[in-house]
Amino acid sequence: MSVGAPEIILIIVVILLLFGATKLPELARSVGRSMRIFKSEVNEMNNESAQSKQTQTATPSQQALPSSNQAADNAASPLNDPEAHTQARGQ
């Protein structure tokens, strides 16, 4: 199925009759804006997908182990020390 010159001319005439010559520039602008928004959303989804793949491919030891600063903070926390917890409550 091929589209030749007569078919293209017929399609253009039908579009002109449906929308009118004054509405066509406005229609073209709105289609352009819609395409720009669509492309930016697709690019954003691709970036998010690439970032999630990078975090999933990180080794499990990198994800499971807290950083040394977090481990030191957790060890010094009064919640980890039963004596400090009872002293804080006044018992």
PDB file of N, CA and C in Angstrom:
ATOM      1  N   MET A   1       0.852  -1.178   0.000  1.00  0.00           N
ATOM      2  CA  MET A   1       0.000   0.000   0.000  1.00  0.00           C
ATOM      3  C   MET A   1       0.894   1.236   0.000  1.00  0.00           C
ATOM      4  N   SER A   2       0.856   1.980  -1.053  1.00  0.00           N
ATOM      5  CA  SER A   2       1.671   3.185  -1.143  1.00  0.00           C
ATOM      6  C   SER A   2       0.776   4.414  -1.243  1.00  0.00           C
ATOM      7  N   VAL A   3       1.288   5.510  -0.725  1.00  0.00           N
ATOM      8  CA  VAL A   3       0.559   6.770  -0.756  1.00  0.00           C
ATOM      9  C   VAL A   3       1.240   7.645  -1.793  1.00  0.00           C
ATOM     10  N   GLY A   4       0.502   8.015  -2.809  1.00  0.00           N
ATOM     11  CA  GLY A   4       1.045   8.839  -3.873  1.00  0.00           C
ATOM     12  C   GLY A   4       0.665  10.295  -3.704  1.00  0.00           C
ATOM     13  N   ALA A   5       1.022  11.096  -4.678  1.00  0.00           N
ATOM     14  CA  ALA A   5       0.753  12.538  -4.642  1.00  0.00           C
ATOM     15  C   ALA A   5      -0.745  12.838  -4.603  1.00  0.00           C
ATOM     16  N   PRO A   6      -1.599  12.157  -5.387  1.00  0.00           N
ATOM     17  CA  PRO A   6      -3.033  12.481  -5.325  1.00  0.00           C
ATOM     18  C   PRO A   6      -3.639  12.217  -3.934  1.00  0.00           C
ATOM     19  N   GLU A   7      -3.195  11.166  -3.280  1.00  0.00           N
ATOM     20  CA  GLU A   7      -3.716  10.867  -1.942  1.00  0.00           C
ATOM     21  C   GLU A   7      -3.280  11.922  -0.933  1.00  0.00           C
ATOM     22  N   ILE A   8      -2.027  12.363  -1.034  1.00  0.00           N
ATOM     23  CA  ILE A   8      -1.524  13.387  -0.118  1.00  0.00           C
ATOM     24  C   ILE A   8      -2.282  14.696  -0.318  1.00  0.00           C
ATOM     25  N   ILE A   9      -2.539  15.066  -1.570  1.00  0.00           N
ATOM     26  CA  ILE A   9      -3.296  16.297  -1.858  1.00  0.00           C
ATOM     27  C   ILE A   9      -4.708  16.183  -1.310  1.00  0.00           C
ATOM     28  N   LEU A  10      -5.330  15.028  -1.456  1.00  0.00           N
ATOM     29  CA  LEU A  10      -6.681  14.820  -0.924  1.00  0.00           C
ATOM     30  C   LEU A  10      -6.690  14.941   0.600  1.00  0.00           C
ATOM     31  N   ILE A  11      -5.701  14.397   1.266  1.00  0.00           N
ATOM     32  CA  ILE A  11      -5.611  14.482   2.726  1.00  0.00           C
ATOM     33  C   ILE A  11      -5.452  15.938   3.151  1.00  0.00           C
ATOM     34  N   ILE A  12      -4.624  16.705   2.459  1.00  0.00           N
ATOM     35  CA  ILE A  12      -4.418  18.118   2.794  1.00  0.00           C
ATOM     36  C   ILE A  12      -5.713  18.908   2.604  1.00  0.00           C
ATOM     37  N   VAL A  13      -6.430  18.648   1.533  1.00  0.00           N
ATOM     38  CA  VAL A  13      -7.703  19.344   1.275  1.00  0.00           C
ATOM     39  C   VAL A  13      -8.713  19.024   2.372  1.00  0.00           C
ATOM     40  N   VAL A  14      -8.789  17.767   2.778  1.00  0.00           N
ATOM     41  CA  VAL A  14      -9.723  17.383   3.838  1.00  0.00           C
ATOM     42  C   VAL A  14      -9.350  18.068   5.156  1.00  0.00           C
ATOM     43  N   ILE A  15      -8.065  18.136   5.472  1.00  0.00           N
ATOM     44  CA  ILE A  15      -7.623  18.810   6.698  1.00  0.00           C
ATOM     45  C   ILE A  15      -7.970  20.289   6.645  1.00  0.00           C
ATOM     46  N   LEU A  16      -7.748  20.940   5.491  1.00  0.00           N
ATOM     47  CA  LEU A  16      -8.104  22.342   5.345  1.00  0.00           C
ATOM     48  C   LEU A  16      -9.598  22.567   5.524  1.00  0.00           C
ATOM     49  N   LEU A  17     -10.413  21.655   4.984  1.00  0.00           N
ATOM     50  CA  LEU A  17     -11.861  21.797   5.135  1.00  0.00           C
ATOM     51  C   LEU A  17     -12.307  21.582   6.580  1.00  0.00           C
ATOM     52  N   LEU A  18     -11.675  20.650   7.256  1.00  0.00           N
ATOM     53  CA  LEU A  18     -12.082  20.357   8.632  1.00  0.00           C
ATOM     54  C   LEU A  18     -11.662  21.458   9.601  1.00  0.00           C
ATOM     55  N   PHE A  19     -10.432  21.931   9.493  1.00  0.00           N
ATOM     56  CA  PHE A  19      -9.910  22.860  10.485  1.00  0.00           C
ATOM     57  C   PHE A  19      -9.910  24.315  10.017  1.00  0.00           C
ATOM     58  N   GLY A  20      -9.906  24.558   8.755  1.00  0.00           N
ATOM     59  CA  GLY A  20      -9.846  25.917   8.251  1.00  0.00           C
ATOM     60  C   GLY A  20      -8.421  26.420   8.225  1.00  0.00           C
ATOM     61  N   ALA A  21      -8.153  27.359   7.336  1.00  0.00           N
ATOM     62  CA  ALA A  21      -6.790  27.870   7.155  1.00  0.00           C
ATOM     63  C   ALA A  21      -6.316  28.668   8.365  1.00  0.00           C
ATOM     64  N   THR A  22      -7.215  29.297   9.097  1.00  0.00           N
ATOM     65  CA  THR A  22      -6.801  30.115  10.249  1.00  0.00           C
ATOM     66  C   THR A  22      -6.426  29.256  11.448  1.00  0.00           C
ATOM     67  N   LYS A  23      -6.987  28.090  11.561  1.00  0.00           N
ATOM     68  CA  LYS A  23      -6.701  27.222  12.711  1.00  0.00           C
ATOM     69  C   LYS A  23      -5.454  26.360  12.524  1.00  0.00           C
ATOM     70  N   LEU A  24      -4.979  26.203  11.311  1.00  0.00           N
ATOM     71  CA  LEU A  24      -3.845  25.310  11.063  1.00  0.00           C
ATOM     72  C   LEU A  24      -2.563  25.737  11.774  1.00  0.00           C
ATOM     73  N   PRO A  25      -2.169  27.019  11.776  1.00  0.00           N
ATOM     74  CA  PRO A  25      -0.947  27.381  12.520  1.00  0.00           C
ATOM     75  C   PRO A  25      -1.062  27.097  14.018  1.00  0.00           C
ATOM     76  N   GLU A  26      -2.241  27.354  14.578  1.00  0.00           N
ATOM     77  CA  GLU A  26      -2.462  27.068  15.997  1.00  0.00           C
ATOM     78  C   GLU A  26      -2.391  25.566  16.265  1.00  0.00           C
ATOM     79  N   LEU A  27      -2.957  24.796  15.374  1.00  0.00           N
ATOM     80  CA  LEU A  27      -2.927  23.338  15.495  1.00  0.00           C
ATOM     81  C   LEU A  27      -1.497  22.813  15.401  1.00  0.00           C
ATOM     82  N   ALA A  28      -0.724  23.376  14.470  1.00  0.00           N
ATOM     83  CA  ALA A  28       0.673  22.951  14.311  1.00  0.00           C
ATOM     84  C   ALA A  28       1.485  23.285  15.563  1.00  0.00           C
ATOM     85  N   ARG A  29       1.252  24.468  16.151  1.00  0.00           N
ATOM     86  CA  ARG A  29       1.958  24.853  17.385  1.00  0.00           C
ATOM     87  C   ARG A  29       1.625  23.899  18.526  1.00  0.00           C
ATOM     88  N   SER A  30       0.357  23.578  18.679  1.00  0.00           N
ATOM     89  CA  SER A  30      -0.030  22.692  19.781  1.00  0.00           C
ATOM     90  C   SER A  30       0.528  21.284  19.580  1.00  0.00           C
ATOM     91  N   VAL A  31       0.574  20.824  18.341  1.00  0.00           N
ATOM     92  CA  VAL A  31       1.168  19.509  18.072  1.00  0.00           C
ATOM     93  C   VAL A  31       2.664  19.537  18.375  1.00  0.00           C
ATOM     94  N   GLY A  32       3.345  20.626  18.008  1.00  0.00           N
ATOM     95  CA  GLY A  32       4.770  20.764  18.302  1.00  0.00           C
ATOM     96  C   GLY A  32       5.053  20.765  19.795  1.00  0.00           C
ATOM     97  N   ARG A  33       4.237  21.506  20.559  1.00  0.00           N
ATOM     98  CA  ARG A  33       4.404  21.531  22.024  1.00  0.00           C
ATOM     99  C   ARG A  33       4.181  20.140  22.613  1.00  0.00           C
ATOM    100  N   SER A  34       3.150  19.481  22.129  1.00  0.00           N
ATOM    101  CA  SER A  34       2.849  18.134  22.640  1.00  0.00           C
ATOM    102  C   SER A  34       3.995  17.172  22.357  1.00  0.00           C
ATOM    103  N   MET A  35       4.560  17.252  21.161  1.00  0.00           N
ATOM    104  CA  MET A  35       5.688  16.384  20.813  1.00  0.00           C
ATOM    105  C   MET A  35       6.899  16.689  21.684  1.00  0.00           C
ATOM    106  N   ARG A  36       7.169  17.970  21.950  1.00  0.00           N
ATOM    107  CA  ARG A  36       8.298  18.346  22.793  1.00  0.00           C
ATOM    108  C   ARG A  36       8.125  17.807  24.210  1.00  0.00           C
ATOM    109  N   ILE A  37       6.924  17.939  24.761  1.00  0.00           N
ATOM    110  CA  ILE A  37       6.643  17.424  26.106  1.00  0.00           C
ATOM    111  C   ILE A  37       6.784  15.904  26.122  1.00  0.00           C
ATOM    112  N   PHE A  38       6.252  15.249  25.108  1.00  0.00           N
ATOM    113  CA  PHE A  38       6.334  13.796  25.025  1.00  0.00           C
ATOM    114  C   PHE A  38       7.783  13.329  24.982  1.00  0.00           C
ATOM    115  N   LYS A  39       8.604  13.986  24.163  1.00  0.00           N
ATOM    116  CA  LYS A  39      10.015  13.606  24.058  1.00  0.00           C
ATOM    117  C   LYS A  39      10.738  13.813  25.373  1.00  0.00           C
ATOM    118  N   SER A  40      10.462  14.919  26.073  1.00  0.00           N
ATOM    119  CA  SER A  40      11.142  15.156  27.346  1.00  0.00           C
ATOM    120  C   SER A  40      10.737  14.114  28.384  1.00  0.00           C
ATOM    121  N   GLU A  41       9.469  13.713  28.387  1.00  0.00           N
ATOM    122  CA  GLU A  41       9.019  12.678  29.316  1.00  0.00           C
ATOM    123  C   GLU A  41       9.666  11.332  29.009  1.00  0.00           C
ATOM    124  N   VAL A  42       9.794  11.003  27.735  1.00  0.00           N
ATOM    125  CA  VAL A  42      10.434   9.742  27.348  1.00  0.00           C
ATOM    126  C   VAL A  42      11.898   9.759  27.764  1.00  0.00           C
ATOM    127  N   ASN A  43      12.590  10.886  27.545  1.00  0.00           N
ATOM    128  CA  ASN A  43      13.990  10.990  27.965  1.00  0.00           C
ATOM    129  C   ASN A  43      14.126  10.861  29.477  1.00  0.00           C
ATOM    130  N   GLU A  44      13.219  11.472  30.228  1.00  0.00           N
ATOM    131  CA  GLU A  44      13.257  11.379  31.689  1.00  0.00           C
ATOM    132  C   GLU A  44      13.031   9.937  32.151  1.00  0.00           C
ATOM    133  N   MET A  45      12.101   9.237  31.514  1.00  0.00           N
ATOM    134  CA  MET A  45      11.853   7.844  31.877  1.00  0.00           C
ATOM    135  C   MET A  45      13.068   6.981  31.564  1.00  0.00           C
ATOM    136  N   ASN A  46      13.733   7.247  30.435  1.00  0.00           N
ATOM    137  CA  ASN A  46      14.941   6.495  30.085  1.00  0.00           C
ATOM    138  C   ASN A  46      16.055   6.753  31.089  1.00  0.00           C
ATOM    139  N   ASN A  47      16.204   8.001  31.532  1.00  0.00           N
ATOM    140  CA  ASN A  47      17.229   8.325  32.533  1.00  0.00           C
ATOM    141  C   ASN A  47      16.942   7.622  33.853  1.00  0.00           C
ATOM    142  N   GLU A  48      15.677   7.630  34.285  1.00  0.00           N
ATOM    143  CA  GLU A  48      15.317   6.951  35.531  1.00  0.00           C
ATOM    144  C   GLU A  48      15.551   5.450  35.420  1.00  0.00           C
ATOM    145  N   SER A  49      15.246   4.898  34.262  1.00  0.00           N
ATOM    146  CA  SER A  49      15.453   3.469  34.049  1.00  0.00           C
ATOM    147  C   SER A  49      16.936   3.127  34.106  1.00  0.00           C
ATOM    148  N   ALA A  50      17.763   3.960  33.501  1.00  0.00           N
ATOM    149  CA  ALA A  50      19.209   3.720  33.519  1.00  0.00           C
ATOM    150  C   ALA A  50      19.754   3.832  34.941  1.00  0.00           C
ATOM    151  N   GLN A  51      19.249   4.788  35.718  1.00  0.00           N
ATOM    152  CA  GLN A  51      19.711   4.933  37.101  1.00  0.00           C
ATOM    153  C   GLN A  51      19.291   3.739  37.941  1.00  0.00           C
ATOM    154  N   SER A  52      18.077   3.238  37.744  1.00  0.00           N
ATOM    155  CA  SER A  52      17.638   2.092  38.538  1.00  0.00           C
ATOM    156  C   SER A  52      18.427   0.841  38.163  1.00  0.00           C
ATOM    157  N   LYS A  53      18.811   0.707  36.890  1.00  0.00           N
ATOM    158  CA  LYS A  53      19.632  -0.433  36.486  1.00  0.00           C
ATOM    159  C   LYS A  53      21.015  -0.354  37.120  1.00  0.00           C
ATOM    160  N   GLN A  54      21.556   0.852  37.249  1.00  0.00           N
ATOM    161  CA  GLN A  54      22.873   1.014  37.864  1.00  0.00           C
ATOM    162  C   GLN A  54      22.830   0.639  39.336  1.00  0.00           C
ATOM    163  N   THR A  55      21.771   1.005  40.048  1.00  0.00           N
ATOM    164  CA  THR A  55      21.686   0.650  41.459  1.00  0.00           C
ATOM    165  C   THR A  55      21.442  -0.837  41.644  1.00  0.00           C
ATOM    166  N   GLN A  56      20.745  -1.468  40.701  1.00  0.00           N
ATOM    167  CA  GLN A  56      20.494  -2.900  40.808  1.00  0.00           C
ATOM    168  C   GLN A  56      21.739  -3.712  40.500  1.00  0.00           C
ATOM    169  N   THR A  57      22.628  -3.187  39.670  1.00  0.00           N
ATOM    170  CA  THR A  57      23.820  -3.934  39.304  1.00  0.00           C
ATOM    171  C   THR A  57      24.945  -3.746  40.313  1.00  0.00           C
ATOM    172  N   ALA A  58      24.764  -2.859  41.300  1.00  0.00           N
ATOM    173  CA  ALA A  58      25.780  -2.708  42.341  1.00  0.00           C
ATOM    174  C   ALA A  58      25.866  -4.014  43.121  1.00  0.00           C
ATOM    175  N   THR A  59      27.057  -4.334  43.608  1.00  0.00           N
ATOM    176  CA  THR A  59      27.226  -5.596  44.317  1.00  0.00           C
ATOM    177  C   THR A  59      26.426  -5.586  45.609  1.00  0.00           C
ATOM    178  N   PRO A  60      25.903  -6.719  46.027  1.00  0.00           N
ATOM    179  CA  PRO A  60      25.105  -6.771  47.256  1.00  0.00           C
ATOM    180  C   PRO A  60      25.881  -6.314  48.479  1.00  0.00           C
ATOM    181  N   SER A  61      27.190  -6.547  48.530  1.00  0.00           N
ATOM    182  CA  SER A  61      27.964  -6.107  49.690  1.00  0.00           C
ATOM    183  C   SER A  61      27.993  -4.597  49.772  1.00  0.00           C
ATOM    184  N   GLN A  62      27.967  -3.911  48.646  1.00  0.00           N
ATOM    185  CA  GLN A  62      27.945  -2.453  48.654  1.00  0.00           C
ATOM    186  C   GLN A  62      26.608  -1.936  49.147  1.00  0.00           C
ATOM    187  N   GLN A  63      25.538  -2.632  48.859  1.00  0.00           N
ATOM    188  CA  GLN A  63      24.225  -2.182  49.284  1.00  0.00           C
ATOM    189  C   GLN A  63      23.947  -2.560  50.729  1.00  0.00           C
ATOM    190  N   ALA A  64      24.439  -3.701  51.196  1.00  0.00           N
ATOM    191  CA  ALA A  64      24.094  -4.202  52.515  1.00  0.00           C
ATOM    192  C   ALA A  64      24.921  -3.571  53.627  1.00  0.00           C
ATOM    193  N   LEU A  65      26.173  -3.241  53.362  1.00  0.00           N
ATOM    194  CA  LEU A  65      27.026  -2.708  54.406  1.00  0.00           C
ATOM    195  C   LEU A  65      26.830  -1.210  54.559  1.00  0.00           C
ATOM    196  N   PRO A  66      26.594  -0.748  55.820  1.00  0.00           N
ATOM    197  CA  PRO A  66      26.504   0.699  56.018  1.00  0.00           C
ATOM    198  C   PRO A  66      27.908   1.305  55.957  1.00  0.00           C
ATOM    199  N   SER A  67      27.941   2.581  55.724  1.00  0.00           N
ATOM    200  CA  SER A  67      29.243   3.243  55.686  1.00  0.00           C
ATOM    201  C   SER A  67      29.846   3.239  57.083  1.00  0.00           C
ATOM    202  N   SER A  68      31.145   3.474  57.184  1.00  0.00           N
ATOM    203  CA  SER A  68      31.816   3.437  58.480  1.00  0.00           C
ATOM    204  C   SER A  68      31.286   4.522  59.397  1.00  0.00           C
ATOM    205  N   ASN A  69      30.888   5.656  58.867  1.00  0.00           N
ATOM    206  CA  ASN A  69      30.325   6.725  59.699  1.00  0.00           C
ATOM    207  C   ASN A  69      28.985   6.314  60.270  1.00  0.00           C
ATOM    208  N   GLN A  70      28.159   5.640  59.474  1.00  0.00           N
ATOM    209  CA  GLN A  70      26.875   5.185  59.969  1.00  0.00           C
ATOM    210  C   GLN A  70      27.054   4.127  61.037  1.00  0.00           C
ATOM    211  N   ALA A  71      28.000   3.225  60.872  1.00  0.00           N
ATOM    212  CA  ALA A  71      28.230   2.182  61.863  1.00  0.00           C
ATOM    213  C   ALA A  71      28.708   2.792  63.170  1.00  0.00           C
ATOM    214  N   ALA A  72      29.586   3.786  63.121  1.00  0.00           N
ATOM    215  CA  ALA A  72      30.085   4.443  64.328  1.00  0.00           C
ATOM    216  C   ALA A  72      28.959   5.205  65.016  1.00  0.00           C
ATOM    217  N   ASP A  73      28.097   5.869  64.251  1.00  0.00           N
ATOM    218  CA  ASP A  73      26.979   6.600  64.827  1.00  0.00           C
ATOM    219  C   ASP A  73      26.005   5.648  65.507  1.00  0.00           C
ATOM    220  N   ASN A  74      25.738   4.507  64.884  1.00  0.00           N
ATOM    221  CA  ASN A  74      24.817   3.535  65.462  1.00  0.00           C
ATOM    222  C   ASN A  74      25.388   2.923  66.737  1.00  0.00           C
ATOM    223  N   ALA A  75      26.687   2.700  66.803  1.00  0.00           N
ATOM    224  CA  ALA A  75      27.305   2.109  67.985  1.00  0.00           C
ATOM    225  C   ALA A  75      27.253   3.078  69.152  1.00  0.00           C
ATOM    226  N   ALA A  76      27.341   4.367  68.895  1.00  0.00           N
ATOM    227  CA  ALA A  76      27.341   5.359  69.959  1.00  0.00           C
ATOM    228  C   ALA A  76      25.930   5.791  70.331  1.00  0.00           C
ATOM    229  N   SER A  77      24.942   5.280  69.684  1.00  0.00           N
ATOM    230  CA  SER A  77      23.570   5.679  69.929  1.00  0.00           C
ATOM    231  C   SER A  77      23.112   5.178  71.292  1.00  0.00           C
ATOM    232  N   PRO A  78      22.393   5.987  72.058  1.00  0.00           N
ATOM    233  CA  PRO A  78      21.880   5.533  73.359  1.00  0.00           C
ATOM    234  C   PRO A  78      20.868   4.409  73.214  1.00  0.00           C
ATOM    235  N   LEU A  79      20.282   4.255  72.075  1.00  0.00           N
ATOM    236  CA  LEU A  79      19.330   3.160  71.884  1.00  0.00           C
ATOM    237  C   LEU A  79      20.028   1.810  71.862  1.00  0.00           C
ATOM    238  N   ASN A  80      21.309   1.784  71.492  1.00  0.00           N
ATOM    239  CA  ASN A  80      22.058   0.534  71.458  1.00  0.00           C
ATOM    240  C   ASN A  80      22.679   0.210  72.812  1.00  0.00           C
ATOM    241  N   ASP A  81      22.688   1.157  73.740  1.00  0.00           N
ATOM    242  CA  ASP A  81      23.277   0.966  75.060  1.00  0.00           C
ATOM    243  C   ASP A  81      22.147   0.916  76.088  1.00  0.00           C
ATOM    244  N   PRO A  82      21.865  -0.266  76.683  1.00  0.00           N
ATOM    245  CA  PRO A  82      20.743  -0.379  77.631  1.00  0.00           C
ATOM    246  C   PRO A  82      20.925   0.509  78.855  1.00  0.00           C
ATOM    247  N   GLU A  83      22.156   0.687  79.324  1.00  0.00           N
ATOM    248  CA  GLU A  83      22.378   1.520  80.510  1.00  0.00           C
ATOM    249  C   GLU A  83      22.070   2.975  80.210  1.00  0.00           C
ATOM    250  N   ALA A  84      22.472   3.465  79.067  1.00  0.00           N
ATOM    251  CA  ALA A  84      22.187   4.843  78.698  1.00  0.00           C
ATOM    252  C   ALA A  84      20.687   5.055  78.514  1.00  0.00           C
ATOM    253  N   HIS A  85      20.012   4.029  78.022  1.00  0.00           N
ATOM    254  CA  HIS A  85      18.564   4.129  77.796  1.00  0.00           C
ATOM    255  C   HIS A  85      17.849   4.243  79.135  1.00  0.00           C
ATOM    256  N   THR A  86      18.229   3.443  80.134  1.00  0.00           N
ATOM    257  CA  THR A  86      17.557   3.512  81.443  1.00  0.00           C
ATOM    258  C   THR A  86      17.929   4.790  82.144  1.00  0.00           C
ATOM    259  N   GLN A  87      19.149   5.301  81.977  1.00  0.00           N
ATOM    260  CA  GLN A  87      19.543   6.561  82.585  1.00  0.00           C
ATOM    261  C   GLN A  87      18.769   7.712  81.974  1.00  0.00           C
ATOM    262  N   ALA A  88      18.513   7.640  80.702  1.00  0.00           N
ATOM    263  CA  ALA A  88      17.784   8.709  80.023  1.00  0.00           C
ATOM    264  C   ALA A  88      16.331   8.750  80.487  1.00  0.00           C
ATOM    265  N   ARG A  89      15.790   7.592  80.861  1.00  0.00           N
ATOM    266  CA  ARG A  89      14.398   7.547  81.323  1.00  0.00           C
ATOM    267  C   ARG A  89      14.309   7.870  82.807  1.00  0.00           C
ATOM    268  N   GLY A  90      15.434   7.992  83.508  1.00  0.00           N
ATOM    269  CA  GLY A  90      15.432   8.340  84.929  1.00  0.00           C
ATOM    270  C   GLY A  90      15.236   7.168  85.843  1.00  0.00           C
ATOM    271  N   GLN A  91      15.581   5.980  85.472  1.00  0.00           N
ATOM    272  CA  GLN A  91      15.386   4.806  86.335  1.00  0.00           C
ATOM    273  C   GLN A  91      16.670   4.391  86.967  1.00  0.00           C
TER     274      GLN A  91
END
